[in-house]
Amino acid sequence: FEYEKNQLPSEQIDRSESSSIWNSSWDGLKKMSTYPRHLYLIRHGQYFDNAASLNEMKLTILGKEQLKYTGMRLNQMNIQFNGLIHSGMVRAFESATIINEQLDTKLQLIKDANLTEGLPVAPVPYAGISQRDAD
């Protein structure tokens, strides 16, 4: 990958200013929540990555089977989930739907386009990829 070819070895990266870049109070909250939250991150199943368009990048038969077993396992764990959030990508929606079909208690499927894969911002330090990749 072009990105990996342009990366600096970690010992050559200047981290002296890195702490000044991050704002720990990015959300404006002064107090940490005392309520525990558990997030289960599940990647979509195997999909057709050679499709002509993003809408055609659907799950393969194996991918559907992977998500069926994931849903069955989550159901066995007897955890009370509040919802199932997925990106706007077809394969992510398919994955969420298949998982939901395996759960005894059906969840609301929530689409969040912010979860779509890609770079959210240009990386610091710049590693040779274009800003277009970050947009």
N, C-alpha and C. Protein backbone atom coordinates (compact mmCIF):
# COMPACT_ATOMS: atom_id res chain seq x y z
N PHE A 1 0.83 -1.18 0.00
CA PHE A 1 0.00 0.00 0.00
C PHE A 1 0.87 1.24 0.00
N GLU A 2 0.43 2.24 -0.73
CA GLU A 2 1.18 3.48 -0.83
C GLU A 2 1.36 4.12 0.54
N TYR A 3 0.33 4.09 1.36
CA TYR A 3 0.39 4.69 2.70
C TYR A 3 1.51 4.05 3.53
N GLU A 4 1.58 2.73 3.51
CA GLU A 4 2.58 2.02 4.32
C GLU A 4 4.00 2.29 3.84
N LYS A 5 4.17 2.49 2.53
CA LYS A 5 5.51 2.74 1.99
C LYS A 5 6.06 4.08 2.46
N ASN A 6 5.18 5.02 2.74
CA ASN A 6 5.61 6.37 3.11
C ASN A 6 5.66 6.60 4.62
N GLN A 7 5.39 5.59 5.41
CA GLN A 7 5.42 5.78 6.86
C GLN A 7 6.85 5.85 7.37
N LEU A 8 7.05 6.68 8.37
CA LEU A 8 8.36 6.75 9.02
C LEU A 8 8.47 5.63 10.04
N PRO A 9 9.67 5.09 10.24
CA PRO A 9 9.85 4.14 11.34
C PRO A 9 9.50 4.84 12.65
N SER A 10 8.90 4.12 13.58
CA SER A 10 8.38 4.75 14.80
C SER A 10 9.45 5.50 15.58
N GLU A 11 10.71 5.07 15.52
CA GLU A 11 11.76 5.77 16.28
C GLU A 11 12.10 7.12 15.66
N GLN A 12 11.67 7.38 14.41
CA GLN A 12 11.96 8.65 13.76
C GLN A 12 10.82 9.67 13.92
N ILE A 13 9.75 9.29 14.57
CA ILE A 13 8.61 10.19 14.73
C ILE A 13 8.82 11.06 15.96
N ASP A 14 8.71 12.36 15.77
CA ASP A 14 8.86 13.32 16.86
C ASP A 14 7.55 13.39 17.64
N ARG A 15 7.57 12.92 18.87
CA ARG A 15 6.37 12.92 19.70
C ARG A 15 6.39 14.02 20.76
N SER A 16 7.35 14.92 20.68
CA SER A 16 7.50 15.94 21.71
C SER A 16 6.29 16.86 21.81
N GLU A 17 5.57 17.07 20.70
CA GLU A 17 4.41 17.95 20.73
C GLU A 17 3.09 17.19 20.67
N SER A 18 3.12 15.88 20.67
CA SER A 18 1.90 15.12 20.44
C SER A 18 0.84 15.35 21.51
N SER A 19 1.25 15.57 22.76
CA SER A 19 0.25 15.76 23.81
C SER A 19 -0.47 17.09 23.66
N SER A 20 0.14 18.07 22.99
CA SER A 20 -0.52 19.36 22.83
C SER A 20 -1.56 19.33 21.71
N ILE A 21 -1.51 18.32 20.85
CA ILE A 21 -2.46 18.23 19.76
C ILE A 21 -3.81 17.73 20.26
N TRP A 22 -3.82 16.79 21.17
CA TRP A 22 -5.06 16.18 21.65
C TRP A 22 -5.67 16.99 22.78
N ASN A 23 -6.96 17.23 22.69
CA ASN A 23 -7.70 17.93 23.73
C ASN A 23 -8.50 16.89 24.50
N SER A 24 -8.10 16.58 25.72
CA SER A 24 -8.76 15.54 26.51
C SER A 24 -10.20 15.90 26.85
N SER A 25 -10.53 17.15 26.78
CA SER A 25 -11.90 17.59 27.05
C SER A 25 -12.60 17.94 25.73
N TRP A 26 -12.40 17.12 24.73
CA TRP A 26 -12.93 17.37 23.40
C TRP A 26 -14.45 17.48 23.38
N ASP A 27 -15.12 16.80 24.31
CA ASP A 27 -16.58 16.82 24.32
C ASP A 27 -17.16 17.89 25.25
N GLY A 28 -16.30 18.64 25.92
CA GLY A 28 -16.75 19.72 26.79
C GLY A 28 -17.27 19.26 28.14
N LEU A 29 -17.19 17.97 28.42
CA LEU A 29 -17.67 17.46 29.70
C LEU A 29 -16.59 17.61 30.75
N LYS A 30 -16.96 18.14 31.88
CA LYS A 30 -15.99 18.32 32.96
C LYS A 30 -15.91 17.09 33.86
N LYS A 31 -16.96 16.31 33.89
CA LYS A 31 -17.04 15.18 34.80
C LYS A 31 -17.19 13.88 34.01
N MET A 32 -16.48 12.88 34.43
CA MET A 32 -16.59 11.57 33.79
C MET A 32 -17.87 10.89 34.24
N SER A 33 -18.49 10.15 33.36
CA SER A 33 -19.69 9.40 33.70
C SER A 33 -19.33 8.27 34.65
N THR A 34 -20.21 7.99 35.57
CA THR A 34 -19.98 6.88 36.51
C THR A 34 -20.72 5.63 36.06
N TYR A 35 -21.46 5.72 34.95
CA TYR A 35 -22.19 4.57 34.45
C TYR A 35 -21.31 3.78 33.49
N PRO A 36 -21.19 2.48 33.71
CA PRO A 36 -20.35 1.69 32.80
C PRO A 36 -21.03 1.52 31.44
N ARG A 37 -20.23 1.52 30.41
CA ARG A 37 -20.72 1.28 29.06
C ARG A 37 -19.86 0.19 28.43
N HIS A 38 -20.52 -0.68 27.74
CA HIS A 38 -19.80 -1.75 27.06
C HIS A 38 -20.14 -1.67 25.58
N LEU A 39 -19.12 -1.54 24.77
CA LEU A 39 -19.30 -1.50 23.33
C LEU A 39 -18.75 -2.79 22.73
N TYR A 40 -19.53 -3.42 21.91
CA TYR A 40 -19.08 -4.62 21.21
C TYR A 40 -18.90 -4.23 19.75
N LEU A 41 -17.67 -4.22 19.30
CA LEU A 41 -17.37 -3.85 17.92
C LEU A 41 -17.29 -5.11 17.07
N ILE A 42 -18.11 -5.15 16.05
CA ILE A 42 -18.18 -6.33 15.19
C ILE A 42 -17.94 -5.87 13.76
N ARG A 43 -16.99 -6.48 13.13
CA ARG A 43 -16.71 -6.14 11.73
C ARG A 43 -17.65 -6.96 10.85
N HIS A 44 -17.98 -6.41 9.70
CA HIS A 44 -18.84 -7.12 8.75
C HIS A 44 -18.20 -8.45 8.36
N GLY A 45 -18.99 -9.33 7.81
CA GLY A 45 -18.48 -10.61 7.33
C GLY A 45 -17.78 -10.47 5.99
N GLN A 46 -17.30 -11.60 5.49
CA GLN A 46 -16.62 -11.60 4.20
C GLN A 46 -17.56 -11.05 3.12
N TYR A 47 -17.02 -10.25 2.22
CA TYR A 47 -17.85 -9.64 1.19
C TYR A 47 -17.13 -9.68 -0.16
N PHE A 48 -17.88 -9.39 -1.20
CA PHE A 48 -17.32 -9.35 -2.55
C PHE A 48 -16.54 -8.06 -2.72
N ASP A 49 -15.22 -8.12 -2.55
CA ASP A 49 -14.40 -6.91 -2.61
C ASP A 49 -14.01 -6.53 -4.03
N ASN A 50 -14.38 -7.34 -5.00
CA ASN A 50 -14.04 -7.03 -6.39
C ASN A 50 -15.25 -6.51 -7.16
N ALA A 51 -16.28 -6.08 -6.44
CA ALA A 51 -17.50 -5.58 -7.08
C ALA A 51 -17.23 -4.24 -7.76
N ALA A 52 -18.07 -3.91 -8.72
CA ALA A 52 -17.89 -2.69 -9.50
C ALA A 52 -18.23 -1.42 -8.72
N SER A 53 -19.12 -1.53 -7.74
CA SER A 53 -19.52 -0.35 -6.97
C SER A 53 -19.69 -0.73 -5.50
N LEU A 54 -19.73 0.29 -4.64
CA LEU A 54 -19.90 0.05 -3.20
C LEU A 54 -21.21 -0.68 -2.91
N ASN A 55 -22.27 -0.37 -3.64
CA ASN A 55 -23.57 -1.01 -3.40
C ASN A 55 -23.58 -2.48 -3.77
N GLU A 56 -22.61 -2.91 -4.56
CA GLU A 56 -22.53 -4.31 -4.96
C GLU A 56 -21.59 -5.10 -4.04
N MET A 57 -20.95 -4.43 -3.09
CA MET A 57 -20.04 -5.10 -2.17
C MET A 57 -20.84 -5.75 -1.04
N LYS A 58 -21.57 -6.78 -1.40
CA LYS A 58 -22.45 -7.47 -0.46
C LYS A 58 -21.72 -8.66 0.15
N LEU A 59 -22.33 -9.21 1.19
CA LEU A 59 -21.75 -10.37 1.87
C LEU A 59 -21.77 -11.60 0.97
N THR A 60 -20.73 -12.40 1.09
CA THR A 60 -20.69 -13.70 0.41
C THR A 60 -21.49 -14.69 1.25
N ILE A 61 -21.66 -15.89 0.75
CA ILE A 61 -22.33 -16.94 1.52
C ILE A 61 -21.57 -17.18 2.82
N LEU A 62 -20.24 -17.25 2.73
CA LEU A 62 -19.43 -17.43 3.94
C LEU A 62 -19.61 -16.26 4.90
N GLY A 63 -19.64 -15.04 4.37
CA GLY A 63 -19.84 -13.86 5.21
C GLY A 63 -21.15 -13.91 5.96
N LYS A 64 -22.21 -14.34 5.29
CA LYS A 64 -23.52 -14.47 5.95
C LYS A 64 -23.48 -15.52 7.04
N GLU A 65 -22.78 -16.61 6.77
CA GLU A 65 -22.65 -17.67 7.78
C GLU A 65 -21.85 -17.16 8.99
N GLN A 66 -20.79 -16.40 8.74
CA GLN A 66 -19.99 -15.84 9.83
C GLN A 66 -20.86 -14.99 10.76
N LEU A 67 -21.72 -14.16 10.17
CA LEU A 67 -22.56 -13.28 10.97
C LEU A 67 -23.67 -14.04 11.67
N LYS A 68 -24.15 -15.10 11.07
CA LYS A 68 -25.17 -15.93 11.72
C LYS A 68 -24.59 -16.50 13.01
N TYR A 69 -23.37 -17.04 12.93
CA TYR A 69 -22.74 -17.61 14.12
C TYR A 69 -22.39 -16.53 15.15
N THR A 70 -22.03 -15.35 14.67
CA THR A 70 -21.76 -14.24 15.59
C THR A 70 -23.03 -13.89 16.36
N GLY A 71 -24.14 -13.78 15.65
CA GLY A 71 -25.42 -13.49 16.30
C GLY A 71 -25.83 -14.56 17.28
N MET A 72 -25.62 -15.83 16.91
CA MET A 72 -25.96 -16.94 17.81
C MET A 72 -25.13 -16.86 19.09
N ARG A 73 -23.86 -16.54 18.94
CA ARG A 73 -22.98 -16.45 20.12
C ARG A 73 -23.37 -15.28 21.00
N LEU A 74 -23.66 -14.15 20.41
CA LEU A 74 -24.10 -13.00 21.20
C LEU A 74 -25.39 -13.32 21.95
N ASN A 75 -26.28 -14.05 21.32
CA ASN A 75 -27.53 -14.45 21.97
C ASN A 75 -27.27 -15.36 23.16
N GLN A 76 -26.31 -16.27 23.03
CA GLN A 76 -25.96 -17.19 24.13
C GLN A 76 -25.37 -16.45 25.33
N MET A 77 -24.80 -15.29 25.09
CA MET A 77 -24.15 -14.54 26.17
C MET A 77 -25.15 -13.88 27.11
N ASN A 78 -26.43 -13.86 26.73
CA ASN A 78 -27.50 -13.28 27.57
C ASN A 78 -27.19 -11.86 28.03
N ILE A 79 -26.73 -11.05 27.12
CA ILE A 79 -26.44 -9.65 27.41
C ILE A 79 -27.61 -8.81 26.90
N GLN A 80 -28.02 -7.83 27.69
CA GLN A 80 -29.09 -6.94 27.25
C GLN A 80 -28.47 -5.80 26.45
N PHE A 81 -28.63 -5.85 25.14
CA PHE A 81 -28.12 -4.80 24.27
C PHE A 81 -29.17 -3.71 24.11
N ASN A 82 -28.71 -2.47 23.91
CA ASN A 82 -29.63 -1.34 23.73
C ASN A 82 -29.92 -1.05 22.27
N GLY A 83 -29.06 -1.47 21.39
CA GLY A 83 -29.25 -1.19 19.98
C GLY A 83 -28.11 -1.77 19.18
N LEU A 84 -28.27 -1.72 17.88
CA LEU A 84 -27.25 -2.24 16.98
C LEU A 84 -26.97 -1.14 15.95
N ILE A 85 -25.80 -0.54 16.06
CA ILE A 85 -25.44 0.59 15.20
C ILE A 85 -24.52 0.09 14.09
N HIS A 86 -24.82 0.47 12.86
CA HIS A 86 -24.01 0.04 11.72
C HIS A 86 -23.72 1.23 10.83
N SER A 87 -22.72 1.09 9.98
CA SER A 87 -22.41 2.15 9.02
C SER A 87 -23.44 2.10 7.90
N GLY A 88 -23.32 3.02 6.97
CA GLY A 88 -24.24 3.06 5.85
C GLY A 88 -23.86 2.12 4.72
N MET A 89 -22.80 1.37 4.89
CA MET A 89 -22.36 0.46 3.83
C MET A 89 -23.29 -0.76 3.77
N VAL A 90 -23.54 -1.25 2.57
CA VAL A 90 -24.46 -2.36 2.36
C VAL A 90 -24.06 -3.57 3.20
N ARG A 91 -22.78 -3.90 3.18
CA ARG A 91 -22.32 -5.09 3.90
C ARG A 91 -22.49 -4.93 5.41
N ALA A 92 -22.38 -3.71 5.92
CA ALA A 92 -22.58 -3.48 7.36
C ALA A 92 -24.05 -3.63 7.73
N PHE A 93 -24.94 -3.12 6.88
CA PHE A 93 -26.38 -3.27 7.12
C PHE A 93 -26.77 -4.75 7.07
N GLU A 94 -26.26 -5.46 6.06
CA GLU A 94 -26.53 -6.90 5.97
C GLU A 94 -26.05 -7.61 7.23
N SER A 95 -24.86 -7.26 7.69
CA SER A 95 -24.28 -7.90 8.88
C SER A 95 -25.15 -7.65 10.10
N ALA A 96 -25.56 -6.40 10.30
CA ALA A 96 -26.40 -6.05 11.45
C ALA A 96 -27.74 -6.79 11.39
N THR A 97 -28.31 -6.88 10.21
CA THR A 97 -29.60 -7.56 10.04
C THR A 97 -29.49 -9.04 10.38
N ILE A 98 -28.45 -9.69 9.89
CA ILE A 98 -28.26 -11.13 10.15
C ILE A 98 -28.03 -11.38 11.63
N ILE A 99 -27.22 -10.55 12.28
CA ILE A 99 -27.00 -10.70 13.72
C ILE A 99 -28.32 -10.53 14.46
N ASN A 100 -29.09 -9.51 14.10
CA ASN A 100 -30.36 -9.22 14.77
C ASN A 100 -31.34 -10.38 14.64
N GLU A 101 -31.32 -11.07 13.50
CA GLU A 101 -32.20 -12.22 13.29
C GLU A 101 -31.93 -13.35 14.27
N GLN A 102 -30.71 -13.42 14.80
CA GLN A 102 -30.33 -14.50 15.71
C GLN A 102 -30.63 -14.18 17.17
N LEU A 103 -30.96 -12.94 17.47
CA LEU A 103 -31.19 -12.53 18.85
C LEU A 103 -32.63 -12.78 19.26
N ASP A 104 -32.83 -13.24 20.49
CA ASP A 104 -34.18 -13.45 21.00
C ASP A 104 -34.93 -12.13 21.11
N THR A 105 -34.24 -11.09 21.55
CA THR A 105 -34.82 -9.75 21.64
C THR A 105 -34.30 -8.94 20.47
N LYS A 106 -35.19 -8.58 19.56
CA LYS A 106 -34.78 -7.82 18.37
C LYS A 106 -34.40 -6.40 18.77
N LEU A 107 -33.34 -5.92 18.16
CA LEU A 107 -32.81 -4.59 18.45
C LEU A 107 -33.18 -3.61 17.35
N GLN A 108 -33.19 -2.34 17.71
CA GLN A 108 -33.36 -1.30 16.71
C GLN A 108 -32.04 -1.19 15.94
N LEU A 109 -32.11 -1.23 14.62
CA LEU A 109 -30.92 -1.05 13.79
C LEU A 109 -30.78 0.44 13.51
N ILE A 110 -29.62 0.98 13.85
CA ILE A 110 -29.37 2.41 13.73
C ILE A 110 -28.24 2.64 12.73
N LYS A 111 -28.54 3.38 11.68
CA LYS A 111 -27.52 3.69 10.66
C LYS A 111 -26.77 4.95 11.07
N ASP A 112 -25.44 4.87 11.07
CA ASP A 112 -24.60 6.02 11.39
C ASP A 112 -23.52 6.14 10.32
N ALA A 113 -23.68 7.10 9.43
CA ALA A 113 -22.74 7.27 8.32
C ALA A 113 -21.34 7.61 8.81
N ASN A 114 -21.20 8.08 10.04
CA ASN A 114 -19.87 8.38 10.58
C ASN A 114 -19.03 7.13 10.76
N LEU A 115 -19.64 5.97 10.72
CA LEU A 115 -18.91 4.72 10.88
C LEU A 115 -18.37 4.17 9.57
N THR A 116 -18.71 4.79 8.46
CA THR A 116 -18.23 4.33 7.16
C THR A 116 -16.72 4.38 7.14
N GLU A 117 -16.10 3.34 6.59
CA GLU A 117 -14.64 3.27 6.63
C GLU A 117 -13.99 4.38 5.83
N GLY A 118 -12.81 4.75 6.27
CA GLY A 118 -12.06 5.82 5.63
C GLY A 118 -11.36 6.64 6.68
N LEU A 119 -10.49 7.51 6.24
CA LEU A 119 -9.76 8.36 7.17
C LEU A 119 -10.62 9.55 7.57
N PRO A 120 -10.81 9.79 8.87
CA PRO A 120 -11.64 10.92 9.29
C PRO A 120 -10.94 12.26 9.08
N VAL A 121 -9.64 12.29 9.23
CA VAL A 121 -8.84 13.51 9.05
C VAL A 121 -7.50 13.11 8.45
N ALA A 122 -6.80 14.09 7.91
CA ALA A 122 -5.46 13.82 7.40
C ALA A 122 -4.56 13.45 8.58
N PRO A 123 -3.76 12.40 8.46
CA PRO A 123 -2.93 11.96 9.58
C PRO A 123 -1.79 12.93 9.88
N VAL A 124 -1.42 12.98 11.15
CA VAL A 124 -0.28 13.78 11.61
C VAL A 124 0.70 12.81 12.24
N PRO A 125 1.93 12.66 11.79
CA PRO A 125 2.51 13.39 10.67
C PRO A 125 2.00 12.87 9.33
N TYR A 126 2.05 13.74 8.35
CA TYR A 126 1.61 13.40 7.01
C TYR A 126 2.44 12.23 6.48
N ALA A 127 1.78 11.25 5.88
CA ALA A 127 2.49 10.05 5.44
C ALA A 127 2.36 9.79 3.95
N GLY A 128 2.09 10.84 3.18
CA GLY A 128 2.08 10.67 1.74
C GLY A 128 0.73 10.34 1.13
N ILE A 129 -0.33 10.40 1.91
CA ILE A 129 -1.65 10.19 1.32
C ILE A 129 -2.30 11.55 1.12
N SER A 130 -3.24 11.62 0.24
CA SER A 130 -3.83 12.92 -0.08
C SER A 130 -4.95 13.27 0.89
N GLN A 131 -5.24 14.56 0.98
CA GLN A 131 -6.35 15.02 1.82
C GLN A 131 -7.66 14.44 1.30
N ARG A 132 -7.72 14.22 -0.01
CA ARG A 132 -8.91 13.63 -0.61
C ARG A 132 -9.24 12.29 0.05
N ASP A 133 -8.20 11.52 0.44
CA ASP A 133 -8.42 10.25 1.12
C ASP A 133 -9.05 10.47 2.49
N ALA A 134 -8.81 11.62 3.08
CA ALA A 134 -9.34 11.91 4.41
C ALA A 134 -10.74 12.50 4.36
N ASP A 135 -11.16 12.99 3.20
CA ASP A 135 -12.48 13.64 3.08
C ASP A 135 -13.57 12.67 2.84
